Protein backbone atom coordinates (compact mmCIF):
# COMPACT_ATOMS: atom_id res chain seq x y z
CA UNK A 1 0.00 0.00 0.00
CA UNK A 2 1.00 3.62 -0.48
CA UNK A 3 -0.04 4.56 3.07
CA UNK A 4 1.34 2.82 6.14
CA UNK A 5 -0.47 3.70 9.38
CA UNK A 6 0.82 2.59 12.78
CA UNK A 7 0.65 -1.19 12.87
CA UNK A 8 -0.65 -1.50 16.42
CA UNK A 9 -3.15 0.37 18.58
CA UNK A 10 -0.27 0.72 21.06
CA UNK A 11 1.93 2.46 18.45
CA UNK A 12 2.91 6.07 19.05
CA UNK A 13 3.65 8.68 16.41
CA UNK A 14 6.49 11.02 17.32
CA UNK A 15 5.70 14.48 16.01
CA UNK A 16 9.07 16.08 15.27
CA UNK A 17 7.54 19.38 14.23
CA UNK A 18 6.44 19.97 17.85
CA UNK A 19 9.78 18.99 19.36
CA UNK A 20 11.67 22.20 20.00
CA UNK A 21 14.94 20.27 20.11
CA UNK A 22 14.66 19.43 16.39
CA UNK A 23 15.61 22.23 14.02
CA UNK A 24 14.26 22.92 11.51
CA UNK A 25 10.81 21.44 12.22
CA UNK A 26 9.40 18.91 9.79
CA UNK A 27 6.08 20.16 8.49
CA UNK A 28 5.81 17.07 6.28
CA UNK A 29 5.88 14.56 9.15
CA UNK A 30 4.28 12.23 9.76
CA UNK A 31 3.11 11.43 6.24
CA UNK A 32 2.89 7.61 6.69
CA UNK A 33 4.23 7.05 3.16
CA UNK A 34 6.41 4.03 2.44
CA UNK A 35 8.78 6.23 0.42
CA UNK A 36 9.43 9.91 1.04
CA UNK A 37 7.63 12.02 -1.59
CA UNK A 38 10.18 14.79 -0.93
CA UNK A 39 13.18 12.52 -1.48
CA UNK A 40 14.57 12.50 2.06
CA UNK A 41 14.04 10.48 5.22
CA UNK A 42 14.69 13.20 7.79
CA UNK A 43 11.71 12.05 9.87
CA UNK A 44 13.66 8.83 10.50
CA UNK A 45 17.24 10.06 10.29
CA UNK A 46 16.75 13.09 12.57
CA UNK A 47 14.90 11.07 15.21
CA UNK A 48 17.35 10.34 18.02
CA UNK A 49 17.16 7.42 20.45
CA UNK A 50 16.78 9.98 23.26
CA UNK A 51 13.64 11.41 21.64
CA UNK A 52 12.13 7.94 21.33
CA UNK A 53 12.92 7.08 24.95
CA UNK A 54 11.54 10.43 26.17
CA UNK A 55 8.33 9.94 24.18
CA UNK A 56 7.90 6.41 25.49
CA UNK A 57 8.30 7.57 29.07
CA UNK A 58 5.63 10.29 28.72
CA UNK A 59 1.93 9.47 28.97
CA UNK A 60 0.14 9.44 25.64
CA UNK A 61 -2.06 12.49 25.18
CA UNK A 62 -2.68 12.24 21.46
CA UNK A 63 -1.51 14.90 19.05
CA UNK A 64 0.64 17.54 20.79
CA UNK A 65 -0.62 21.12 20.78
């Protein structure tokens, strides 16, 4: 398929564009595409292990505001 949603109801989407530690923000993420329509994979490459661990340790509140 062209669109790949989270594969589990327990999955969490990390919204880099709301993370002030990521510069510049990614307005294109998350797009859920299998291949990047813009020709880069910054949503994956710029995501650090620390960001993942921090997100997993925080309670899920849905889309950040």
